[in-house]
Amino acid sequence: MMSRMVKKHARRAAPHVWLFVLGALVCAGALAATYYLFVRTTTGQFADESAWREAKVADNLRGPVLQFLDNLPLFSVIIASVVVLFVTLGRRRWAAAAIALGTVAAANLTTQVMKSLLVVRPELGVPTLAFNSLPSGHTTLAASAAAAVFLVVSPRWRPFAAAAGGAYSVAAGVATFLNLWHRPADVVAAYLVVAVWTMIGGLLIMRTGNSWNVWSGYGEHWAASRWWPALCWIAGLGGLLLCAGLYYYVQSIGPAPVPGTGIHPLFFWSGLSLIVGVGFAIGGLATGLFSFEARRRRTASR
């Protein structure tokens, strides 16, 4: 009787494949929308270019930011390598490690192909740099390293990994923006490229790692606290709402005729809020999906 009841409650990790497929399609759609709105429309190009030019208000931060960016590739490789190696050797999750590294490679390859071959920045009458810079390569590297850690750790560690990885990805994206390497849309596109591949890699990892993708739910460990996704959602939704509010206000009072010549750097703050909002919102979504799709550890009924 007991064995039948245990069997009745058991389920395979990632039972709803369609949720991961839907997640990947939504992120891909958001990526396409980001490209269209900020690259293919005059209004989007103007907003993105204005934010980039207004980033000069952060000139006093450029030294430390540049140093961080110089070390970012090394930091990202070290972080991902240490965690993946520990999990591979200590937990013997060979398939998970291979899939996570494949996810990193696929995300970075996608960014380079998009930037070099697929995305074209048309001339729409906005004074701007003619060459394409979407998506951001540095941001993709940082976000994909964080995604690799998120994928290979056990479910109880994923809420914390999503929050910490989101913070690291946002810091990398903000740094490229403040240092005038990329426009806000370039950073957002990088997040979405990584999100697409994280959905795909996550489905494979959960299906091939059914035995260890199990947990007792939120609260079983400090890393599984509900506060981690809550913080992601507070920062994510707060950033998106602030971005929308600032953009609406600029449009209501009328933007400056030339990008970057406004009295107040409202486009800058709007772009910065967009980066923070999207980066943390993706972390919140990933936590919710992967937590829901992990197997629940149940005690047998008597």
C-alpha atoms as a PDB file:
ATOM      1  CA  MET A   1       0.000   0.000   0.000  1.00  0.00           C
ATOM      2  CA  MET A   2       2.760   2.414   0.969  1.00  0.00           C
ATOM      3  CA  SER A   3       4.701   1.750  -2.233  1.00  0.00           C
ATOM      4  CA  ARG A   4       1.594   2.425  -4.325  1.00  0.00           C
ATOM      5  CA  MET A   5       0.990   5.748  -2.588  1.00  0.00           C
ATOM      6  CA  VAL A   6       4.617   6.830  -3.009  1.00  0.00           C
ATOM      7  CA  LYS A   7       4.449   5.895  -6.675  1.00  0.00           C
ATOM      8  CA  LYS A   8       1.214   7.809  -7.071  1.00  0.00           C
ATOM      9  CA  HIS A   9       2.815  11.052  -5.860  1.00  0.00           C
ATOM     10  CA  ALA A  10       6.067  10.630  -7.799  1.00  0.00           C
ATOM     11  CA  ARG A  11       6.491  12.601 -10.994  1.00  0.00           C
ATOM     12  CA  ARG A  12       9.234  13.245 -13.454  1.00  0.00           C
ATOM     13  CA  ALA A  13      11.153  16.528 -13.392  1.00  0.00           C
ATOM     14  CA  ALA A  14       9.950  19.020 -16.008  1.00  0.00           C
ATOM     15  CA  PRO A  15       6.613  17.265 -16.600  1.00  0.00           C
ATOM     16  CA  HIS A  16       5.254  20.223 -18.572  1.00  0.00           C
ATOM     17  CA  VAL A  17       7.597  20.434 -21.533  1.00  0.00           C
ATOM     18  CA  TRP A  18       5.349  23.016 -23.142  1.00  0.00           C
ATOM     19  CA  LEU A  19       6.153  25.522 -20.376  1.00  0.00           C
ATOM     20  CA  PHE A  20       9.829  25.523 -21.337  1.00  0.00           C
ATOM     21  CA  VAL A  21       8.952  25.713 -25.025  1.00  0.00           C
ATOM     22  CA  LEU A  22       6.570  28.577 -24.302  1.00  0.00           C
ATOM     23  CA  GLY A  23       9.214  30.309 -22.193  1.00  0.00           C
ATOM     24  CA  ALA A  24      11.769  30.051 -24.992  1.00  0.00           C
ATOM     25  CA  LEU A  25       9.254  31.350 -27.549  1.00  0.00           C
ATOM     26  CA  VAL A  26       8.238  34.274 -25.318  1.00  0.00           C
ATOM     27  CA  CYS A  27      11.884  35.255 -24.780  1.00  0.00           C
ATOM     28  CA  ALA A  28      12.580  34.907 -28.516  1.00  0.00           C
ATOM     29  CA  GLY A  29       9.535  37.065 -29.245  1.00  0.00           C
ATOM     30  CA  ALA A  30      10.723  39.667 -26.738  1.00  0.00           C
ATOM     31  CA  LEU A  31      14.145  39.606 -28.410  1.00  0.00           C
ATOM     32  CA  ALA A  32      12.575  40.215 -31.824  1.00  0.00           C
ATOM     33  CA  ALA A  33      10.429  43.008 -30.372  1.00  0.00           C
ATOM     34  CA  THR A  34      13.482  44.625 -28.767  1.00  0.00           C
ATOM     35  CA  TYR A  35      15.279  44.608 -32.102  1.00  0.00           C
ATOM     36  CA  TYR A  36      12.278  45.973 -33.981  1.00  0.00           C
ATOM     37  CA  LEU A  37      11.349  48.689 -31.489  1.00  0.00           C
ATOM     38  CA  PHE A  38      14.839  50.007 -30.731  1.00  0.00           C
ATOM     39  CA  VAL A  39      16.576  49.448 -34.065  1.00  0.00           C
ATOM     40  CA  ARG A  40      13.915  49.486 -36.790  1.00  0.00           C
ATOM     41  CA  THR A  41      11.824  52.444 -35.563  1.00  0.00           C
ATOM     42  CA  THR A  42      12.754  56.100 -35.372  1.00  0.00           C
ATOM     43  CA  THR A  43      11.253  56.524 -31.906  1.00  0.00           C
ATOM     44  CA  GLY A  44      13.168  53.567 -30.526  1.00  0.00           C
ATOM     45  CA  GLN A  45      16.458  54.613 -32.093  1.00  0.00           C
ATOM     46  CA  PHE A  46      16.000  58.116 -30.680  1.00  0.00           C
ATOM     47  CA  ALA A  47      15.294  56.845 -27.145  1.00  0.00           C
ATOM     48  CA  ASP A  48      18.174  54.366 -27.193  1.00  0.00           C
ATOM     49  CA  GLU A  49      20.640  56.857 -28.621  1.00  0.00           C
ATOM     50  CA  SER A  50      19.514  59.552 -26.169  1.00  0.00           C
ATOM     51  CA  ALA A  51      20.069  57.207 -23.228  1.00  0.00           C
ATOM     52  CA  TRP A  52      23.537  56.323 -24.531  1.00  0.00           C
ATOM     53  CA  ARG A  53      24.576  59.947 -24.965  1.00  0.00           C
ATOM     54  CA  GLU A  54      23.157  61.011 -21.617  1.00  0.00           C
ATOM     55  CA  ALA A  55      25.280  58.340 -19.907  1.00  0.00           C
ATOM     56  CA  LYS A  56      28.020  60.978 -19.790  1.00  0.00           C
ATOM     57  CA  VAL A  57      26.522  61.977 -16.422  1.00  0.00           C
ATOM     58  CA  ALA A  58      28.372  58.959 -15.029  1.00  0.00           C
ATOM     59  CA  ASP A  59      31.808  60.160 -16.195  1.00  0.00           C
ATOM     60  CA  ASN A  60      33.197  60.039 -12.658  1.00  0.00           C
ATOM     61  CA  LEU A  61      32.438  56.296 -12.489  1.00  0.00           C
ATOM     62  CA  ARG A  62      34.071  55.403 -15.776  1.00  0.00           C
ATOM     63  CA  GLY A  63      37.464  54.451 -14.336  1.00  0.00           C
ATOM     64  CA  PRO A  64      36.232  51.744 -11.927  1.00  0.00           C
ATOM     65  CA  VAL A  65      33.624  50.616 -14.461  1.00  0.00           C
ATOM     66  CA  LEU A  66      36.241  50.175 -17.167  1.00  0.00           C
ATOM     67  CA  GLN A  67      38.419  48.152 -14.808  1.00  0.00           C
ATOM     68  CA  PHE A  68      35.451  45.918 -14.007  1.00  0.00           C
ATOM     69  CA  LEU A  69      34.723  45.435 -17.718  1.00  0.00           C
ATOM     70  CA  ASP A  70      38.347  44.579 -18.436  1.00  0.00           C
ATOM     71  CA  ASN A  71      38.154  41.791 -15.862  1.00  0.00           C
ATOM     72  CA  LEU A  72      34.595  40.722 -16.679  1.00  0.00           C
ATOM     73  CA  PRO A  73      35.455  37.914 -19.150  1.00  0.00           C
ATOM     74  CA  LEU A  74      37.926  36.404 -16.681  1.00  0.00           C
ATOM     75  CA  PHE A  75      35.488  36.752 -13.767  1.00  0.00           C
ATOM     76  CA  SER A  76      32.711  35.102 -15.772  1.00  0.00           C
ATOM     77  CA  VAL A  77      34.851  32.174 -16.897  1.00  0.00           C
ATOM     78  CA  ILE A  78      36.211  31.598 -13.384  1.00  0.00           C
ATOM     79  CA  ILE A  79      32.771  31.725 -11.727  1.00  0.00           C
ATOM     80  CA  ALA A  80      31.175  29.346 -14.204  1.00  0.00           C
ATOM     81  CA  SER A  81      34.172  27.013 -14.346  1.00  0.00           C
ATOM     82  CA  VAL A  82      34.550  26.653 -10.572  1.00  0.00           C
ATOM     83  CA  VAL A  83      30.878  25.885  -9.965  1.00  0.00           C
ATOM     84  CA  VAL A  84      30.471  23.584 -12.957  1.00  0.00           C
ATOM     85  CA  LEU A  85      33.699  21.739 -12.105  1.00  0.00           C
ATOM     86  CA  PHE A  86      32.670  21.333  -8.465  1.00  0.00           C
ATOM     87  CA  VAL A  87      29.254  19.998  -9.436  1.00  0.00           C
ATOM     88  CA  THR A  88      30.716  17.711 -12.087  1.00  0.00           C
ATOM     89  CA  LEU A  89      33.365  16.175  -9.867  1.00  0.00           C
ATOM     90  CA  GLY A  90      31.566  16.352  -6.534  1.00  0.00           C
ATOM     91  CA  ARG A  91      28.056  15.421  -7.649  1.00  0.00           C
ATOM     92  CA  ARG A  92      28.954  13.576 -10.869  1.00  0.00           C
ATOM     93  CA  ARG A  93      26.459  15.522 -12.936  1.00  0.00           C
ATOM     94  CA  TRP A  94      28.317  14.977 -16.181  1.00  0.00           C
ATOM     95  CA  ALA A  95      25.352  15.467 -18.477  1.00  0.00           C
ATOM     96  CA  ALA A  96      24.286  18.642 -16.652  1.00  0.00           C
ATOM     97  CA  ALA A  97      27.783  20.116 -16.953  1.00  0.00           C
ATOM     98  CA  ALA A  98      27.933  19.359 -20.679  1.00  0.00           C
ATOM     99  CA  ILE A  99      24.490  20.875 -21.285  1.00  0.00           C
ATOM    100  CA  ALA A 100      25.310  23.980 -19.217  1.00  0.00           C
ATOM    101  CA  LEU A 101      28.533  24.570 -21.140  1.00  0.00           C
ATOM    102  CA  GLY A 102      26.650  23.988 -24.386  1.00  0.00           C
ATOM    103  CA  THR A 103      24.122  26.611 -23.281  1.00  0.00           C
ATOM    104  CA  VAL A 104      26.930  29.117 -22.684  1.00  0.00           C
ATOM    105  CA  ALA A 105      28.466  28.388 -26.085  1.00  0.00           C
ATOM    106  CA  ALA A 106      25.121  28.576 -27.899  1.00  0.00           C
ATOM    107  CA  ALA A 107      24.178  31.901 -26.283  1.00  0.00           C
ATOM    108  CA  ASN A 108      27.501  33.547 -27.091  1.00  0.00           C
ATOM    109  CA  LEU A 109      27.531  32.166 -30.638  1.00  0.00           C
ATOM    110  CA  THR A 110      23.981  33.444 -31.182  1.00  0.00           C
ATOM    111  CA  THR A 111      24.992  36.918 -30.030  1.00  0.00           C
ATOM    112  CA  GLN A 112      27.977  37.050 -32.381  1.00  0.00           C
ATOM    113  CA  VAL A 113      25.960  35.764 -35.356  1.00  0.00           C
ATOM    114  CA  MET A 114      23.176  38.259 -34.674  1.00  0.00           C
ATOM    115  CA  LYS A 115      25.559  41.153 -34.236  1.00  0.00           C
ATOM    116  CA  SER A 116      27.739  40.370 -37.250  1.00  0.00           C
ATOM    117  CA  LEU A 117      25.387  38.796 -39.771  1.00  0.00           C
ATOM    118  CA  LEU A 118      21.703  39.158 -38.972  1.00  0.00           C
ATOM    119  CA  VAL A 119      20.958  42.509 -37.371  1.00  0.00           C
ATOM    120  CA  VAL A 120      21.066  45.592 -39.596  1.00  0.00           C
ATOM    121  CA  ARG A 121      20.775  49.125 -38.224  1.00  0.00           C
ATOM    122  CA  PRO A 122      18.950  51.216 -40.830  1.00  0.00           C
ATOM    123  CA  GLU A 123      19.369  54.946 -41.319  1.00  0.00           C
ATOM    124  CA  LEU A 124      16.182  56.544 -39.958  1.00  0.00           C
ATOM    125  CA  GLY A 125      17.305  60.157 -39.615  1.00  0.00           C
ATOM    126  CA  VAL A 126      18.496  59.810 -36.008  1.00  0.00           C
ATOM    127  CA  PRO A 127      22.055  61.080 -35.424  1.00  0.00           C
ATOM    128  CA  THR A 128      23.669  57.842 -34.290  1.00  0.00           C
ATOM    129  CA  LEU A 129      26.541  55.464 -34.871  1.00  0.00           C
ATOM    130  CA  ALA A 130      25.853  53.600 -38.096  1.00  0.00           C
ATOM    131  CA  PHE A 131      27.177  50.169 -37.089  1.00  0.00           C
ATOM    132  CA  ASN A 132      25.124  47.599 -35.225  1.00  0.00           C
ATOM    133  CA  SER A 133      25.963  46.772 -31.597  1.00  0.00           C
ATOM    134  CA  LEU A 134      23.003  44.576 -30.628  1.00  0.00           C
ATOM    135  CA  PRO A 135      23.255  42.294 -28.625  1.00  0.00           C
ATOM    136  CA  SER A 136      26.065  43.082 -26.155  1.00  0.00           C
ATOM    137  CA  GLY A 137      28.811  40.444 -26.175  1.00  0.00           C
ATOM    138  CA  HIS A 138      30.152  41.266 -22.700  1.00  0.00           C
ATOM    139  CA  THR A 139      26.675  41.105 -21.192  1.00  0.00           C
ATOM    140  CA  THR A 140      25.955  37.809 -22.935  1.00  0.00           C
ATOM    141  CA  LEU A 141      29.138  36.310 -21.506  1.00  0.00           C
ATOM    142  CA  ALA A 142      28.316  37.430 -17.960  1.00  0.00           C
ATOM    143  CA  ALA A 143      24.655  36.396 -18.127  1.00  0.00           C
ATOM    144  CA  SER A 144      25.437  33.005 -19.701  1.00  0.00           C
ATOM    145  CA  ALA A 145      28.018  32.289 -16.980  1.00  0.00           C
ATOM    146  CA  ALA A 146      25.356  33.042 -14.372  1.00  0.00           C
ATOM    147  CA  ALA A 147      22.906  30.834 -16.281  1.00  0.00           C
ATOM    148  CA  ALA A 148      25.381  27.926 -16.273  1.00  0.00           C
ATOM    149  CA  VAL A 149      25.620  28.125 -12.477  1.00  0.00           C
ATOM    150  CA  PHE A 150      21.831  28.331 -12.188  1.00  0.00           C
ATOM    151  CA  LEU A 151      21.377  25.250 -14.365  1.00  0.00           C
ATOM    152  CA  VAL A 152      23.825  22.893 -12.655  1.00  0.00           C
ATOM    153  CA  VAL A 153      22.998  23.584  -9.006  1.00  0.00           C
ATOM    154  CA  SER A 154      20.263  21.642  -7.230  1.00  0.00           C
ATOM    155  CA  PRO A 155      16.721  23.107  -6.990  1.00  0.00           C
ATOM    156  CA  ARG A 156      17.149  24.351  -3.426  1.00  0.00           C
ATOM    157  CA  TRP A 157      20.086  26.521  -4.558  1.00  0.00           C
ATOM    158  CA  ARG A 158      18.401  27.917  -7.662  1.00  0.00           C
ATOM    159  CA  PRO A 159      16.432  30.753  -5.980  1.00  0.00           C
ATOM    160  CA  PHE A 160      19.653  32.190  -4.567  1.00  0.00           C
ATOM    161  CA  ALA A 161      21.573  31.480  -7.795  1.00  0.00           C
ATOM    162  CA  ALA A 162      18.925  33.348  -9.794  1.00  0.00           C
ATOM    163  CA  ALA A 163      19.089  36.408  -7.529  1.00  0.00           C
ATOM    164  CA  ALA A 164      22.898  36.464  -7.341  1.00  0.00           C
ATOM    165  CA  GLY A 165      23.257  35.692 -11.039  1.00  0.00           C
ATOM    166  CA  GLY A 166      20.711  38.350 -11.895  1.00  0.00           C
ATOM    167  CA  ALA A 167      22.632  40.917  -9.852  1.00  0.00           C
ATOM    168  CA  TYR A 168      25.885  39.932 -11.570  1.00  0.00           C
ATOM    169  CA  SER A 169      24.297  40.102 -15.023  1.00  0.00           C
ATOM    170  CA  VAL A 170      22.715  43.473 -14.271  1.00  0.00           C
ATOM    171  CA  ALA A 171      26.040  44.813 -12.977  1.00  0.00           C
ATOM    172  CA  ALA A 172      27.718  43.699 -16.207  1.00  0.00           C
ATOM    173  CA  GLY A 173      24.982  45.237 -18.351  1.00  0.00           C
ATOM    174  CA  VAL A 174      24.988  48.509 -16.436  1.00  0.00           C
ATOM    175  CA  ALA A 175      28.789  48.646 -16.683  1.00  0.00           C
ATOM    176  CA  THR A 176      28.769  48.324 -20.484  1.00  0.00           C
ATOM    177  CA  PHE A 177      26.133  51.063 -20.629  1.00  0.00           C
ATOM    178  CA  LEU A 178      27.910  53.465 -18.259  1.00  0.00           C
ATOM    179  CA  ASN A 179      31.167  52.977 -20.124  1.00  0.00           C
ATOM    180  CA  LEU A 180      29.416  53.887 -23.409  1.00  0.00           C
ATOM    181  CA  TRP A 181      30.132  50.497 -24.951  1.00  0.00           C
ATOM    182  CA  HIS A 182      26.464  49.674 -25.530  1.00  0.00           C
ATOM    183  CA  ARG A 183      22.998  51.148 -25.656  1.00  0.00           C
ATOM    184  CA  PRO A 184      20.329  49.830 -23.232  1.00  0.00           C
ATOM    185  CA  ALA A 185      18.616  47.764 -25.948  1.00  0.00           C
ATOM    186  CA  ASP A 186      21.896  45.953 -26.659  1.00  0.00           C
ATOM    187  CA  VAL A 187      22.047  44.829 -23.038  1.00  0.00           C
ATOM    188  CA  VAL A 188      18.383  43.794 -22.930  1.00  0.00           C
ATOM    189  CA  ALA A 189      18.836  41.775 -26.136  1.00  0.00           C
ATOM    190  CA  ALA A 190      21.787  39.949 -24.558  1.00  0.00           C
ATOM    191  CA  TYR A 191      19.665  38.997 -21.536  1.00  0.00           C
ATOM    192  CA  LEU A 192      16.961  37.618 -23.825  1.00  0.00           C
ATOM    193  CA  VAL A 193      19.406  35.597 -25.937  1.00  0.00           C
ATOM    194  CA  VAL A 194      20.671  33.920 -22.768  1.00  0.00           C
ATOM    195  CA  ALA A 195      17.117  33.429 -21.502  1.00  0.00           C
ATOM    196  CA  VAL A 196      16.114  31.561 -24.677  1.00  0.00           C
ATOM    197  CA  TRP A 197      18.995  29.126 -24.375  1.00  0.00           C
ATOM    198  CA  THR A 198      18.505  28.756 -20.618  1.00  0.00           C
ATOM    199  CA  MET A 199      14.976  27.512 -21.253  1.00  0.00           C
ATOM    200  CA  ILE A 200      16.255  24.963 -23.754  1.00  0.00           C
ATOM    201  CA  GLY A 201      19.206  23.874 -21.622  1.00  0.00           C
ATOM    202  CA  GLY A 202      17.060  23.776 -18.508  1.00  0.00           C
ATOM    203  CA  LEU A 203      14.567  21.400 -20.072  1.00  0.00           C
ATOM    204  CA  LEU A 204      17.361  19.043 -21.125  1.00  0.00           C
ATOM    205  CA  ILE A 205      19.046  19.199 -17.720  1.00  0.00           C
ATOM    206  CA  MET A 206      15.864  18.473 -15.803  1.00  0.00           C
ATOM    207  CA  ARG A 207      14.902  15.597 -18.096  1.00  0.00           C
ATOM    208  CA  THR A 208      18.369  14.003 -17.977  1.00  0.00           C
ATOM    209  CA  GLY A 209      18.833  14.738 -14.252  1.00  0.00           C
ATOM    210  CA  ASN A 210      15.518  13.524 -12.899  1.00  0.00           C
ATOM    211  CA  SER A 211      17.125  11.966  -9.813  1.00  0.00           C
ATOM    212  CA  TRP A 212      18.645  15.179  -8.436  1.00  0.00           C
ATOM    213  CA  ASN A 213      16.137  17.785  -9.632  1.00  0.00           C
ATOM    214  CA  VAL A 214      14.062  17.296  -6.506  1.00  0.00           C
ATOM    215  CA  TRP A 215      13.418  19.488  -3.473  1.00  0.00           C
ATOM    216  CA  SER A 216      11.055  20.045  -0.551  1.00  0.00           C
ATOM    217  CA  GLY A 217       9.906  23.478  -1.621  1.00  0.00           C
ATOM    218  CA  TYR A 218      10.686  27.031  -0.539  1.00  0.00           C
ATOM    219  CA  GLY A 219      12.100  27.389   2.950  1.00  0.00           C
ATOM    220  CA  GLU A 220      13.945  24.067   3.177  1.00  0.00           C
ATOM    221  CA  HIS A 221      17.287  25.915   3.060  1.00  0.00           C
ATOM    222  CA  TRP A 222      18.430  29.539   3.276  1.00  0.00           C
ATOM    223  CA  ALA A 223      19.186  29.474  -0.454  1.00  0.00           C
ATOM    224  CA  ALA A 224      15.611  28.350  -1.092  1.00  0.00           C
ATOM    225  CA  SER A 225      14.028  31.271   0.758  1.00  0.00           C
ATOM    226  CA  ARG A 226      11.076  32.960  -0.926  1.00  0.00           C
ATOM    227  CA  TRP A 227      12.881  36.240  -0.381  1.00  0.00           C
ATOM    228  CA  TRP A 228      15.204  35.582  -3.319  1.00  0.00           C
ATOM    229  CA  PRO A 229      12.504  35.499  -6.009  1.00  0.00           C
ATOM    230  CA  ALA A 230      10.691  38.270  -4.147  1.00  0.00           C
ATOM    231  CA  LEU A 231      13.768  40.486  -4.416  1.00  0.00           C
ATOM    232  CA  CYS A 232      14.059  39.647  -8.125  1.00  0.00           C
ATOM    233  CA  TRP A 233      10.449  40.626  -8.726  1.00  0.00           C
ATOM    234  CA  ILE A 234      10.651  43.806  -6.634  1.00  0.00           C
ATOM    235  CA  ALA A 235      13.728  44.980  -8.555  1.00  0.00           C
ATOM    236  CA  GLY A 236      12.407  43.692 -11.880  1.00  0.00           C
ATOM    237  CA  LEU A 237       8.921  45.154 -11.777  1.00  0.00           C
ATOM    238  CA  GLY A 238      10.168  48.301 -10.060  1.00  0.00           C
ATOM    239  CA  GLY A 239      12.712  48.868 -12.812  1.00  0.00           C
ATOM    240  CA  LEU A 240      10.202  48.251 -15.590  1.00  0.00           C
ATOM    241  CA  LEU A 241       7.601  50.537 -14.036  1.00  0.00           C
ATOM    242  CA  LEU A 242      10.161  53.291 -13.488  1.00  0.00           C
ATOM    243  CA  CYS A 243      11.355  52.923 -17.083  1.00  0.00           C
ATOM    244  CA  ALA A 244       7.808  53.205 -18.429  1.00  0.00           C
ATOM    245  CA  GLY A 245       7.007  56.160 -16.165  1.00  0.00           C
ATOM    246  CA  LEU A 246      10.110  58.117 -17.130  1.00  0.00           C
ATOM    247  CA  TYR A 247       9.595  57.452 -20.829  1.00  0.00           C
ATOM    248  CA  TYR A 248       5.950  58.528 -20.636  1.00  0.00           C
ATOM    249  CA  TYR A 249       6.963  61.715 -18.804  1.00  0.00           C
ATOM    250  CA  VAL A 250       9.606  62.571 -21.407  1.00  0.00           C
ATOM    251  CA  GLN A 251       7.108  62.080 -24.208  1.00  0.00           C
ATOM    252  CA  SER A 252       4.494  64.183 -22.406  1.00  0.00           C
ATOM    253  CA  ILE A 253       6.823  67.178 -22.010  1.00  0.00           C
ATOM    254  CA  GLY A 254       8.481  66.648 -25.383  1.00  0.00           C
ATOM    255  CA  PRO A 255      11.998  65.228 -25.824  1.00  0.00           C
ATOM    256  CA  ALA A 256      14.935  67.358 -26.971  1.00  0.00           C
ATOM    257  CA  PRO A 257      15.202  67.644 -30.793  1.00  0.00           C
ATOM    258  CA  VAL A 258      18.665  66.045 -30.811  1.00  0.00           C
ATOM    259  CA  PRO A 259      19.572  62.937 -28.758  1.00  0.00           C
ATOM    260  CA  GLY A 260      21.493  63.729 -25.600  1.00  0.00           C
ATOM    261  CA  THR A 261      20.706  67.451 -25.476  1.00  0.00           C
ATOM    262  CA  GLY A 262      17.912  67.388 -22.910  1.00  0.00           C
ATOM    263  CA  ILE A 263      18.172  69.453 -19.729  1.00  0.00           C
ATOM    264  CA  HIS A 264      17.743  66.388 -17.522  1.00  0.00           C
ATOM    265  CA  PRO A 265      19.098  62.914 -18.378  1.00  0.00           C
ATOM    266  CA  LEU A 266      15.695  61.238 -18.214  1.00  0.00           C
ATOM    267  CA  PHE A 267      16.385  58.874 -21.114  1.00  0.00           C
ATOM    268  CA  PHE A 268      19.513  57.730 -19.277  1.00  0.00           C
ATOM    269  CA  TRP A 269      17.569  56.851 -16.150  1.00  0.00           C
ATOM    270  CA  SER A 270      14.859  55.224 -18.225  1.00  0.00           C
ATOM    271  CA  GLY A 271      17.416  53.071 -20.046  1.00  0.00           C
ATOM    272  CA  LEU A 272      19.161  52.189 -16.800  1.00  0.00           C
ATOM    273  CA  SER A 273      15.834  51.179 -15.251  1.00  0.00           C
ATOM    274  CA  LEU A 274      15.062  49.029 -18.291  1.00  0.00           C
ATOM    275  CA  ILE A 275      18.332  47.116 -17.896  1.00  0.00           C
ATOM    276  CA  VAL A 276      17.709  46.515 -14.184  1.00  0.00           C
ATOM    277  CA  GLY A 277      14.064  45.623 -14.727  1.00  0.00           C
ATOM    278  CA  VAL A 278      14.575  43.078 -17.496  1.00  0.00           C
ATOM    279  CA  GLY A 279      17.636  41.509 -15.860  1.00  0.00           C
ATOM    280  CA  PHE A 280      15.915  40.834 -12.547  1.00  0.00           C
ATOM    281  CA  ALA A 281      12.509  39.974 -14.050  1.00  0.00           C
ATOM    282  CA  ILE A 282      14.131  37.153 -16.035  1.00  0.00           C
ATOM    283  CA  GLY A 283      15.665  35.897 -12.779  1.00  0.00           C
ATOM    284  CA  GLY A 284      12.253  35.900 -11.135  1.00  0.00           C
ATOM    285  CA  LEU A 285      10.647  34.073 -14.050  1.00  0.00           C
ATOM    286  CA  ALA A 286      13.395  31.460 -14.170  1.00  0.00           C
ATOM    287  CA  THR A 287      13.096  30.797 -10.442  1.00  0.00           C
ATOM    288  CA  GLY A 288       9.344  30.348 -10.660  1.00  0.00           C
ATOM    289  CA  LEU A 289       9.457  28.016 -13.664  1.00  0.00           C
ATOM    290  CA  PHE A 290      12.341  25.815 -12.538  1.00  0.00           C
ATOM    291  CA  SER A 291      11.007  25.574  -8.988  1.00  0.00           C
ATOM    292  CA  PHE A 292       7.559  24.570 -10.225  1.00  0.00           C
ATOM    293  CA  GLU A 293       8.971  21.982 -12.621  1.00  0.00           C
ATOM    294  CA  ALA A 294      11.344  20.318 -10.135  1.00  0.00           C
ATOM    295  CA  ARG A 295      10.134  17.129  -8.484  1.00  0.00           C
ATOM    296  CA  ARG A 296       8.777  17.564  -4.984  1.00  0.00           C
ATOM    297  CA  ARG A 297      10.231  15.386  -2.244  1.00  0.00           C
ATOM    298  CA  ARG A 298       7.305  13.715  -0.516  1.00  0.00           C
ATOM    299  CA  THR A 299       7.081  11.584   2.604  1.00  0.00           C
ATOM    300  CA  ALA A 300       5.267   8.306   2.322  1.00  0.00           C
ATOM    301  CA  SER A 301       1.764   8.108   3.747  1.00  0.00           C
ATOM    302  CA  ARG A 302       0.956   5.329   6.171  1.00  0.00           C
END
